[in-house]
Amino acid sequence: MGIIIGFLIQVLTFPGIIFDQFANKIVCDLLDVKVHEVTYLQFEDPAGYVIHDIPESYLKVFLISIGPFFISTLAAILMFVLGFTLDSHDGLIRLSFNWLGFSIAAHAFPTSENGSILWKQSILEVKNRNYLALVGFPLVAIIYLARLLHFLWLDIIYGFILLFLVVEPWFK
């Protein structure tokens, strides 16, 4: 039953899957990290992916791991705001933008693979006396915790929280 519900959520939030891969590719392009393959959407596991080189720079690994989360969060917020400012009389426009924002937010969290790469690079950097890399360890813990909580619908809850934070001031 859980597999069917997960598949239905992927179908309903497919714009978020596409946007997440787009955000990953954008970050790689901005950081001049070679991308080998991008699949924006497929109905397999994973639903989308970006295969890229692992940069030698810790900063680039760090930004590739968390950058798409912030891009997706900002894009989701923008969709929610647009939905409530473009036309207050057309519920379909509002619903469409809220659906896009929710879909993007629901796929914003980094993957376990991002956490694994950040973990390995953080260990290497700390061994090389780059103690700024210590910041990577709690971030990896948060990434893994978010992946574990995915089974308790954290992604969906995050989408609703963002929607509420943006929409609530409109009703005061």
C-alpha atoms as a PDB file:
ATOM      1  CA  MET A   1       0.000   0.000   0.000  1.00  0.00           C
ATOM      2  CA  GLY A   2       2.835   2.405   0.885  1.00  0.00           C
ATOM      3  CA  ILE A   3       4.439   1.886  -2.521  1.00  0.00           C
ATOM      4  CA  ILE A   4       1.192   2.809  -4.263  1.00  0.00           C
ATOM      5  CA  ILE A   5       0.748   5.951  -2.148  1.00  0.00           C
ATOM      6  CA  GLY A   6       4.391   6.930  -2.754  1.00  0.00           C
ATOM      7  CA  PHE A   7       3.898   6.479  -6.486  1.00  0.00           C
ATOM      8  CA  LEU A   8       0.712   8.581  -6.415  1.00  0.00           C
ATOM      9  CA  ILE A   9       2.536  11.351  -4.561  1.00  0.00           C
ATOM     10  CA  GLN A  10       5.301  11.275  -7.189  1.00  0.00           C
ATOM     11  CA  VAL A  11       2.713  11.523  -9.961  1.00  0.00           C
ATOM     12  CA  LEU A  12       0.923  14.415  -8.231  1.00  0.00           C
ATOM     13  CA  THR A  13       4.160  16.265  -7.441  1.00  0.00           C
ATOM     14  CA  PHE A  14       6.073  15.578 -10.650  1.00  0.00           C
ATOM     15  CA  PRO A  15       6.878  19.288 -11.225  1.00  0.00           C
ATOM     16  CA  GLY A  16       8.873  19.209  -7.994  1.00  0.00           C
ATOM     17  CA  ILE A  17      10.893  16.221  -9.185  1.00  0.00           C
ATOM     18  CA  ILE A  18      11.732  18.036 -12.416  1.00  0.00           C
ATOM     19  CA  PHE A  19      12.572  21.266 -10.596  1.00  0.00           C
ATOM     20  CA  ASP A  20      14.827  19.464  -8.100  1.00  0.00           C
ATOM     21  CA  GLN A  21      16.928  18.026 -10.925  1.00  0.00           C
ATOM     22  CA  PHE A  22      16.962  21.417 -12.630  1.00  0.00           C
ATOM     23  CA  ALA A  23      18.190  23.050  -9.390  1.00  0.00           C
ATOM     24  CA  ASN A  24      20.897  20.378  -9.023  1.00  0.00           C
ATOM     25  CA  LYS A  25      22.073  20.962 -12.582  1.00  0.00           C
ATOM     26  CA  ILE A  26      22.037  24.746 -12.131  1.00  0.00           C
ATOM     27  CA  VAL A  27      24.233  24.484  -9.023  1.00  0.00           C
ATOM     28  CA  CYS A  28      26.675  22.197 -10.853  1.00  0.00           C
ATOM     29  CA  ASP A  29      26.782  24.570 -13.832  1.00  0.00           C
ATOM     30  CA  LEU A  30      27.309  27.620 -11.609  1.00  0.00           C
ATOM     31  CA  LEU A  31      30.163  25.860  -9.820  1.00  0.00           C
ATOM     32  CA  ASP A  32      31.664  24.611 -13.090  1.00  0.00           C
ATOM     33  CA  VAL A  33      31.231  20.953 -12.100  1.00  0.00           C
ATOM     34  CA  LYS A  34      30.894  18.647 -15.090  1.00  0.00           C
ATOM     35  CA  VAL A  35      27.466  17.022 -15.452  1.00  0.00           C
ATOM     36  CA  HIS A  36      27.456  13.665 -17.234  1.00  0.00           C
ATOM     37  CA  GLU A  37      23.772  12.831 -17.272  1.00  0.00           C
ATOM     38  CA  VAL A  38      20.476  14.357 -16.213  1.00  0.00           C
ATOM     39  CA  THR A  39      17.146  12.599 -15.993  1.00  0.00           C
ATOM     40  CA  TYR A  40      14.503  15.097 -15.025  1.00  0.00           C
ATOM     41  CA  LEU A  41      11.669  12.606 -14.597  1.00  0.00           C
ATOM     42  CA  GLN A  42      11.201   8.874 -14.809  1.00  0.00           C
ATOM     43  CA  PHE A  43       8.730   6.538 -13.198  1.00  0.00           C
ATOM     44  CA  GLU A  44      11.415   4.423 -11.581  1.00  0.00           C
ATOM     45  CA  ASP A  45      13.510   4.805  -8.474  1.00  0.00           C
ATOM     46  CA  PRO A  46      15.004   7.378  -8.373  1.00  0.00           C
ATOM     47  CA  ALA A  47      12.377   9.543 -10.038  1.00  0.00           C
ATOM     48  CA  GLY A  48      15.093  11.877 -11.340  1.00  0.00           C
ATOM     49  CA  TYR A  49      18.822  12.291 -10.979  1.00  0.00           C
ATOM     50  CA  VAL A  50      21.915  14.274 -11.944  1.00  0.00           C
ATOM     51  CA  ILE A  51      25.222  12.451 -12.379  1.00  0.00           C
ATOM     52  CA  HIS A  52      28.155  14.813 -11.998  1.00  0.00           C
ATOM     53  CA  ASP A  53      31.827  14.810 -11.112  1.00  0.00           C
ATOM     54  CA  ILE A  54      32.709  14.944  -7.428  1.00  0.00           C
ATOM     55  CA  PRO A  55      34.583  18.223  -7.070  1.00  0.00           C
ATOM     56  CA  GLU A  56      37.839  18.382  -5.169  1.00  0.00           C
ATOM     57  CA  SER A  57      36.818  21.639  -3.531  1.00  0.00           C
ATOM     58  CA  TYR A  58      34.998  21.101  -0.248  1.00  0.00           C
ATOM     59  CA  LEU A  59      33.006  24.288  -0.775  1.00  0.00           C
ATOM     60  CA  LYS A  60      31.677  22.962  -4.083  1.00  0.00           C
ATOM     61  CA  VAL A  61      30.702  19.614  -2.522  1.00  0.00           C
ATOM     62  CA  PHE A  62      28.997  21.509   0.286  1.00  0.00           C
ATOM     63  CA  LEU A  63      27.081  23.789  -2.100  1.00  0.00           C
ATOM     64  CA  ILE A  64      26.042  20.933  -4.391  1.00  0.00           C
ATOM     65  CA  SER A  65      24.710  19.078  -1.343  1.00  0.00           C
ATOM     66  CA  ILE A  66      22.588  21.898   0.071  1.00  0.00           C
ATOM     67  CA  GLY A  67      22.276  24.522  -2.686  1.00  0.00           C
ATOM     68  CA  PRO A  68      19.318  22.889  -4.461  1.00  0.00           C
ATOM     69  CA  PHE A  69      17.405  22.794  -1.157  1.00  0.00           C
ATOM     70  CA  PHE A  70      17.603  26.573  -0.850  1.00  0.00           C
ATOM     71  CA  ILE A  71      16.840  27.138  -4.533  1.00  0.00           C
ATOM     72  CA  SER A  72      13.796  24.870  -4.309  1.00  0.00           C
ATOM     73  CA  THR A  73      12.608  26.479  -1.083  1.00  0.00           C
ATOM     74  CA  LEU A  74      12.846  29.959  -2.600  1.00  0.00           C
ATOM     75  CA  ALA A  75      11.097  28.798  -5.785  1.00  0.00           C
ATOM     76  CA  ALA A  76       8.275  27.224  -3.743  1.00  0.00           C
ATOM     77  CA  ILE A  77       7.827  30.426  -1.745  1.00  0.00           C
ATOM     78  CA  LEU A  78       7.769  32.421  -4.988  1.00  0.00           C
ATOM     79  CA  MET A  79       5.048  30.156  -6.407  1.00  0.00           C
ATOM     80  CA  PHE A  80       2.936  30.581  -3.252  1.00  0.00           C
ATOM     81  CA  VAL A  81       3.355  34.370  -3.320  1.00  0.00           C
ATOM     82  CA  LEU A  82       2.510  34.544  -7.022  1.00  0.00           C
ATOM     83  CA  GLY A  83      -0.574  32.448  -6.438  1.00  0.00           C
ATOM     84  CA  PHE A  84      -1.870  34.941  -3.911  1.00  0.00           C
ATOM     85  CA  THR A  85      -0.895  38.154  -5.674  1.00  0.00           C
ATOM     86  CA  LEU A  86      -1.629  37.615  -9.372  1.00  0.00           C
ATOM     87  CA  ASP A  87      -5.385  37.354  -9.266  1.00  0.00           C
ATOM     88  CA  SER A  88      -7.308  37.135  -6.052  1.00  0.00           C
ATOM     89  CA  HIS A  89     -10.542  36.251  -7.896  1.00  0.00           C
ATOM     90  CA  ASP A  90      -9.360  33.248  -9.901  1.00  0.00           C
ATOM     91  CA  GLY A  91      -9.134  30.207  -7.657  1.00  0.00           C
ATOM     92  CA  LEU A  92      -7.706  28.084 -10.487  1.00  0.00           C
ATOM     93  CA  ILE A  93      -4.653  30.337 -10.861  1.00  0.00           C
ATOM     94  CA  ARG A  94      -4.121  30.312  -7.106  1.00  0.00           C
ATOM     95  CA  LEU A  95      -4.552  26.543  -6.962  1.00  0.00           C
ATOM     96  CA  SER A  96      -2.099  26.025  -9.854  1.00  0.00           C
ATOM     97  CA  PHE A  97       0.628  28.134  -8.259  1.00  0.00           C
ATOM     98  CA  ASN A  98       0.062  26.522  -4.863  1.00  0.00           C
ATOM     99  CA  TRP A  99       0.297  23.062  -6.450  1.00  0.00           C
ATOM    100  CA  LEU A 100       3.568  24.027  -8.181  1.00  0.00           C
ATOM    101  CA  GLY A 101       4.986  25.499  -4.962  1.00  0.00           C
ATOM    102  CA  PHE A 102       3.907  22.512  -2.912  1.00  0.00           C
ATOM    103  CA  SER A 103       5.368  20.093  -5.495  1.00  0.00           C
ATOM    104  CA  ILE A 104       8.692  21.914  -5.477  1.00  0.00           C
ATOM    105  CA  ALA A 105       8.834  22.074  -1.665  1.00  0.00           C
ATOM    106  CA  ALA A 106       7.987  18.379  -1.354  1.00  0.00           C
ATOM    107  CA  HIS A 107      11.118  17.470  -3.337  1.00  0.00           C
ATOM    108  CA  ALA A 108      13.493  20.056  -1.880  1.00  0.00           C
ATOM    109  CA  PHE A 109      15.366  17.908   0.631  1.00  0.00           C
ATOM    110  CA  PRO A 110      18.821  16.592  -0.295  1.00  0.00           C
ATOM    111  CA  THR A 111      19.183  12.902  -1.087  1.00  0.00           C
ATOM    112  CA  SER A 112      21.042  10.316   0.970  1.00  0.00           C
ATOM    113  CA  GLU A 113      23.638  10.288  -1.804  1.00  0.00           C
ATOM    114  CA  ASN A 114      24.261  14.005  -1.210  1.00  0.00           C
ATOM    115  CA  GLY A 115      24.663  13.267   2.491  1.00  0.00           C
ATOM    116  CA  SER A 116      27.057  10.397   1.816  1.00  0.00           C
ATOM    117  CA  ILE A 117      29.282  12.484  -0.447  1.00  0.00           C
ATOM    118  CA  LEU A 118      29.284  15.373   2.030  1.00  0.00           C
ATOM    119  CA  TRP A 119      30.145  12.954   4.868  1.00  0.00           C
ATOM    120  CA  LYS A 120      33.134  11.478   3.011  1.00  0.00           C
ATOM    121  CA  GLN A 121      34.421  14.903   1.951  1.00  0.00           C
ATOM    122  CA  SER A 122      33.962  16.304   5.468  1.00  0.00           C
ATOM    123  CA  ILE A 123      36.060  13.460   6.933  1.00  0.00           C
ATOM    124  CA  LEU A 124      38.796  14.015   4.330  1.00  0.00           C
ATOM    125  CA  GLU A 125      38.850  17.759   4.909  1.00  0.00           C
ATOM    126  CA  VAL A 126      39.002  17.464   8.698  1.00  0.00           C
ATOM    127  CA  LYS A 127      41.884  14.963   8.339  1.00  0.00           C
ATOM    128  CA  ASN A 128      43.612  17.600   6.203  1.00  0.00           C
ATOM    129  CA  ARG A 129      43.085  20.132   9.010  1.00  0.00           C
ATOM    130  CA  ASN A 130      40.274  22.057   7.328  1.00  0.00           C
ATOM    131  CA  TYR A 131      38.243  22.455  10.490  1.00  0.00           C
ATOM    132  CA  LEU A 132      35.565  24.497   8.727  1.00  0.00           C
ATOM    133  CA  ALA A 133      34.452  21.137   7.325  1.00  0.00           C
ATOM    134  CA  LEU A 134      33.174  20.272  10.798  1.00  0.00           C
ATOM    135  CA  VAL A 135      30.024  22.136   9.815  1.00  0.00           C
ATOM    136  CA  GLY A 136      29.346  19.326   7.331  1.00  0.00           C
ATOM    137  CA  PHE A 137      28.800  16.695  10.036  1.00  0.00           C
ATOM    138  CA  PRO A 138      25.649  18.142  11.608  1.00  0.00           C
ATOM    139  CA  LEU A 139      24.374  18.915   8.120  1.00  0.00           C
ATOM    140  CA  VAL A 140      24.822  15.280   7.134  1.00  0.00           C
ATOM    141  CA  ALA A 141      22.913  14.265  10.267  1.00  0.00           C
ATOM    142  CA  ILE A 142      20.076  16.600   9.259  1.00  0.00           C
ATOM    143  CA  ILE A 143      20.085  15.203   5.705  1.00  0.00           C
ATOM    144  CA  TYR A 144      19.903  11.609   6.967  1.00  0.00           C
ATOM    145  CA  LEU A 145      17.244  12.522   9.528  1.00  0.00           C
ATOM    146  CA  ALA A 146      15.167  14.182   6.788  1.00  0.00           C
ATOM    147  CA  ARG A 147      15.535  11.039   4.643  1.00  0.00           C
ATOM    148  CA  LEU A 148      14.383   8.871   7.579  1.00  0.00           C
ATOM    149  CA  LEU A 149      11.459  11.191   8.267  1.00  0.00           C
ATOM    150  CA  HIS A 150      10.526  10.978   4.589  1.00  0.00           C
ATOM    151  CA  PHE A 151       8.665   7.817   5.579  1.00  0.00           C
ATOM    152  CA  LEU A 152       6.648   9.922   8.018  1.00  0.00           C
ATOM    153  CA  TRP A 153       5.809  12.414   5.242  1.00  0.00           C
ATOM    154  CA  LEU A 154       8.294  15.132   6.249  1.00  0.00           C
ATOM    155  CA  ASP A 155       8.516  16.272   2.613  1.00  0.00           C
ATOM    156  CA  ILE A 156       4.766  16.760   2.405  1.00  0.00           C
ATOM    157  CA  ILE A 157       4.643  18.436   5.822  1.00  0.00           C
ATOM    158  CA  TYR A 158       7.436  20.797   4.710  1.00  0.00           C
ATOM    159  CA  GLY A 159       5.358  21.793   1.673  1.00  0.00           C
ATOM    160  CA  PHE A 160       2.355  22.548   3.889  1.00  0.00           C
ATOM    161  CA  ILE A 161       4.487  24.490   6.388  1.00  0.00           C
ATOM    162  CA  LEU A 162       5.911  26.696   3.639  1.00  0.00           C
ATOM    163  CA  LEU A 163       2.459  27.213   2.164  1.00  0.00           C
ATOM    164  CA  PHE A 164       1.068  28.160   5.559  1.00  0.00           C
ATOM    165  CA  LEU A 165       3.938  30.555   6.308  1.00  0.00           C
ATOM    166  CA  VAL A 166       3.371  32.361   3.017  1.00  0.00           C
ATOM    167  CA  VAL A 167      -0.428  32.230   2.904  1.00  0.00           C
ATOM    168  CA  GLU A 168      -1.255  32.969   6.545  1.00  0.00           C
ATOM    169  CA  PRO A 169      -0.286  36.692   6.392  1.00  0.00           C
ATOM    170  CA  TRP A 170      -2.688  37.147   3.452  1.00  0.00           C
ATOM    171  CA  PHE A 171      -5.633  36.343   5.707  1.00  0.00           C
ATOM    172  CA  LYS A 172      -4.943  38.846   8.505  1.00  0.00           C
END
